């Protein structure tokens, strides 16, 4: 019988200071990023999510100047053990969740 699969929050940031935030895939695991969800609370807010090894940016959100626009990305980014998942917060007043699945490597 197959084991159940549960979602994991790799990063959950509520109003962090601007800067770089990372999640490292633990040894013996593979991470699959499925969703990036956030809220940008001011006109200057923005964020980007990307993989460290490839440098591929897979989600970028910049405020439109409106109050509290919700942002979302959905896809599949596979990260092997040891790789970094990064979120760059450009301005304060952002909420961000990067989520997906964390599997044991075969």
C-alpha atoms as a PDB file:
ATOM      1  CA  UNK A   1       0.000   0.000   0.000  1.00  0.00           C
ATOM      2  CA  UNK A   2       1.293   3.451  -0.920  1.00  0.00           C
ATOM      3  CA  UNK A   3       2.130   5.926   1.828  1.00  0.00           C
ATOM      4  CA  UNK A   4       0.022   9.101   2.027  1.00  0.00           C
ATOM      5  CA  UNK A   5       1.545  12.333   0.697  1.00  0.00           C
ATOM      6  CA  UNK A   6       1.153  15.576   2.642  1.00  0.00           C
ATOM      7  CA  UNK A   7       1.972  19.148   1.656  1.00  0.00           C
ATOM      8  CA  UNK A   8       4.871  20.962   3.293  1.00  0.00           C
ATOM      9  CA  UNK A   9       5.514  24.673   3.807  1.00  0.00           C
ATOM     10  CA  UNK A  10       9.116  25.317   2.801  1.00  0.00           C
ATOM     11  CA  UNK A  11       8.930  29.028   3.656  1.00  0.00           C
ATOM     12  CA  UNK A  12       6.165  30.879   5.476  1.00  0.00           C
ATOM     13  CA  UNK A  13       6.970  34.550   5.996  1.00  0.00           C
ATOM     14  CA  UNK A  14       4.628  37.090   7.566  1.00  0.00           C
ATOM     15  CA  UNK A  15       5.785  40.684   7.109  1.00  0.00           C
ATOM     16  CA  UNK A  16       9.501  39.872   6.997  1.00  0.00           C
ATOM     17  CA  UNK A  17      12.171  42.521   6.603  1.00  0.00           C
ATOM     18  CA  UNK A  18      13.471  42.949   3.058  1.00  0.00           C
ATOM     19  CA  UNK A  19      16.193  40.433   2.289  1.00  0.00           C
ATOM     20  CA  UNK A  20      16.975  36.908   1.155  1.00  0.00           C
ATOM     21  CA  UNK A  21      15.289  33.907   2.780  1.00  0.00           C
ATOM     22  CA  UNK A  22      16.286  30.310   2.064  1.00  0.00           C
ATOM     23  CA  UNK A  23      15.203  26.716   2.534  1.00  0.00           C
ATOM     24  CA  UNK A  24      17.743  23.920   2.056  1.00  0.00           C
ATOM     25  CA  UNK A  25      16.444  20.545   0.903  1.00  0.00           C
ATOM     26  CA  UNK A  26      17.584  18.088   3.604  1.00  0.00           C
ATOM     27  CA  UNK A  27      19.900  15.149   2.837  1.00  0.00           C
ATOM     28  CA  UNK A  28      18.083  12.088   1.522  1.00  0.00           C
ATOM     29  CA  UNK A  29      15.108  14.116   0.228  1.00  0.00           C
ATOM     30  CA  UNK A  30      13.719  15.684  -2.932  1.00  0.00           C
ATOM     31  CA  UNK A  31      11.527  18.794  -2.730  1.00  0.00           C
ATOM     32  CA  UNK A  32       8.810  19.611  -5.246  1.00  0.00           C
ATOM     33  CA  UNK A  33       7.655  23.230  -5.094  1.00  0.00           C
ATOM     34  CA  UNK A  34       4.025  23.417  -6.214  1.00  0.00           C
ATOM     35  CA  UNK A  35       2.715  26.778  -5.023  1.00  0.00           C
ATOM     36  CA  UNK A  36       3.867  30.286  -4.228  1.00  0.00           C
ATOM     37  CA  UNK A  37       1.202  32.427  -2.574  1.00  0.00           C
ATOM     38  CA  UNK A  38       1.513  35.888  -1.172  1.00  0.00           C
ATOM     39  CA  UNK A  39       0.052  39.266  -0.441  1.00  0.00           C
ATOM     40  CA  UNK A  40       1.739  42.588  -1.217  1.00  0.00           C
ATOM     41  CA  UNK A  41       0.590  45.247   1.231  1.00  0.00           C
ATOM     42  CA  UNK A  42       2.092  48.437  -0.183  1.00  0.00           C
ATOM     43  CA  UNK A  43       2.907  50.115  -3.476  1.00  0.00           C
ATOM     44  CA  UNK A  44       6.622  49.323  -3.285  1.00  0.00           C
ATOM     45  CA  UNK A  45       6.266  45.663  -2.272  1.00  0.00           C
ATOM     46  CA  UNK A  46       7.724  42.883  -4.370  1.00  0.00           C
ATOM     47  CA  UNK A  47       9.228  39.414  -4.164  1.00  0.00           C
ATOM     48  CA  UNK A  48      10.905  36.735  -6.272  1.00  0.00           C
ATOM     49  CA  UNK A  49      11.255  32.975  -5.734  1.00  0.00           C
ATOM     50  CA  UNK A  50      14.048  31.007  -7.395  1.00  0.00           C
ATOM     51  CA  UNK A  51      16.317  27.962  -7.322  1.00  0.00           C
ATOM     52  CA  UNK A  52      19.905  28.493  -6.241  1.00  0.00           C
ATOM     53  CA  UNK A  53      21.768  26.028  -8.469  1.00  0.00           C
ATOM     54  CA  UNK A  54      20.098  26.992 -11.741  1.00  0.00           C
ATOM     55  CA  UNK A  55      19.357  30.608 -10.905  1.00  0.00           C
ATOM     56  CA  UNK A  56      15.980  30.099 -12.599  1.00  0.00           C
ATOM     57  CA  UNK A  57      13.422  32.560 -11.284  1.00  0.00           C
ATOM     58  CA  UNK A  58      10.049  30.871 -11.337  1.00  0.00           C
ATOM     59  CA  UNK A  59       7.872  33.455  -9.635  1.00  0.00           C
ATOM     60  CA  UNK A  60       8.136  37.245  -9.524  1.00  0.00           C
ATOM     61  CA  UNK A  61       5.507  39.557  -8.089  1.00  0.00           C
ATOM     62  CA  UNK A  62       5.597  43.351  -7.953  1.00  0.00           C
ATOM     63  CA  UNK A  63       2.863  45.472  -6.417  1.00  0.00           C
ATOM     64  CA  UNK A  64       0.558  47.338  -8.763  1.00  0.00           C
ATOM     65  CA  UNK A  65       0.140  50.080  -6.183  1.00  0.00           C
ATOM     66  CA  UNK A  66      -3.191  48.722  -5.023  1.00  0.00           C
ATOM     67  CA  UNK A  67      -3.819  47.703  -1.434  1.00  0.00           C
ATOM     68  CA  UNK A  68      -3.292  44.016  -0.645  1.00  0.00           C
ATOM     69  CA  UNK A  69      -3.149  42.392  -4.071  1.00  0.00           C
ATOM     70  CA  UNK A  70      -2.975  38.624  -3.723  1.00  0.00           C
ATOM     71  CA  UNK A  71      -0.410  36.848  -5.891  1.00  0.00           C
ATOM     72  CA  UNK A  72      -0.006  33.203  -6.819  1.00  0.00           C
ATOM     73  CA  UNK A  73       2.138  30.855  -8.897  1.00  0.00           C
ATOM     74  CA  UNK A  74       1.449  27.175  -9.460  1.00  0.00           C
ATOM     75  CA  UNK A  75       3.806  24.696 -11.112  1.00  0.00           C
ATOM     76  CA  UNK A  76       6.396  22.029 -10.393  1.00  0.00           C
ATOM     77  CA  UNK A  77      10.007  22.788  -9.556  1.00  0.00           C
ATOM     78  CA  UNK A  78      12.062  19.766  -8.437  1.00  0.00           C
ATOM     79  CA  UNK A  79      14.999  20.360  -6.094  1.00  0.00           C
ATOM     80  CA  UNK A  80      17.446  17.605  -5.083  1.00  0.00           C
ATOM     81  CA  UNK A  81      19.000  17.256  -1.633  1.00  0.00           C
ATOM     82  CA  UNK A  82      21.268  20.144  -0.683  1.00  0.00           C
ATOM     83  CA  UNK A  83      19.790  22.616  -3.155  1.00  0.00           C
ATOM     84  CA  UNK A  84      18.534  25.982  -1.935  1.00  0.00           C
ATOM     85  CA  UNK A  85      15.104  27.413  -2.537  1.00  0.00           C
ATOM     86  CA  UNK A  86      15.291  31.188  -2.215  1.00  0.00           C
ATOM     87  CA  UNK A  87      12.801  34.007  -1.775  1.00  0.00           C
ATOM     88  CA  UNK A  88      13.986  37.581  -2.255  1.00  0.00           C
ATOM     89  CA  UNK A  89      11.789  40.113  -0.476  1.00  0.00           C
ATOM     90  CA  UNK A  90      12.217  43.511  -2.106  1.00  0.00           C
ATOM     91  CA  UNK A  91      10.213  45.598   0.374  1.00  0.00           C
ATOM     92  CA  UNK A  92       8.558  45.016   3.728  1.00  0.00           C
ATOM     93  CA  UNK A  93       4.828  44.378   4.138  1.00  0.00           C
ATOM     94  CA  UNK A  94       4.709  41.101   2.249  1.00  0.00           C
ATOM     95  CA  UNK A  95       3.291  37.734   3.230  1.00  0.00           C
ATOM     96  CA  UNK A  96       4.652  34.689   1.429  1.00  0.00           C
ATOM     97  CA  UNK A  97       4.195  30.916   1.514  1.00  0.00           C
ATOM     98  CA  UNK A  98       6.177  28.511  -0.677  1.00  0.00           C
ATOM     99  CA  UNK A  99       4.744  25.023  -0.409  1.00  0.00           C
ATOM    100  CA  UNK A 100       4.843  21.633  -2.044  1.00  0.00           C
ATOM    101  CA  UNK A 101       6.020  18.104  -1.243  1.00  0.00           C
ATOM    102  CA  UNK A 102       9.104  16.706   0.463  1.00  0.00           C
ATOM    103  CA  UNK A 103       9.835  13.138  -0.630  1.00  0.00           C
ATOM    104  CA  UNK A 104      12.438  10.659   0.574  1.00  0.00           C
ATOM    105  CA  UNK A 105      15.000  10.023  -2.164  1.00  0.00           C
ATOM    106  CA  UNK A 106      14.925   6.551  -3.690  1.00  0.00           C
END
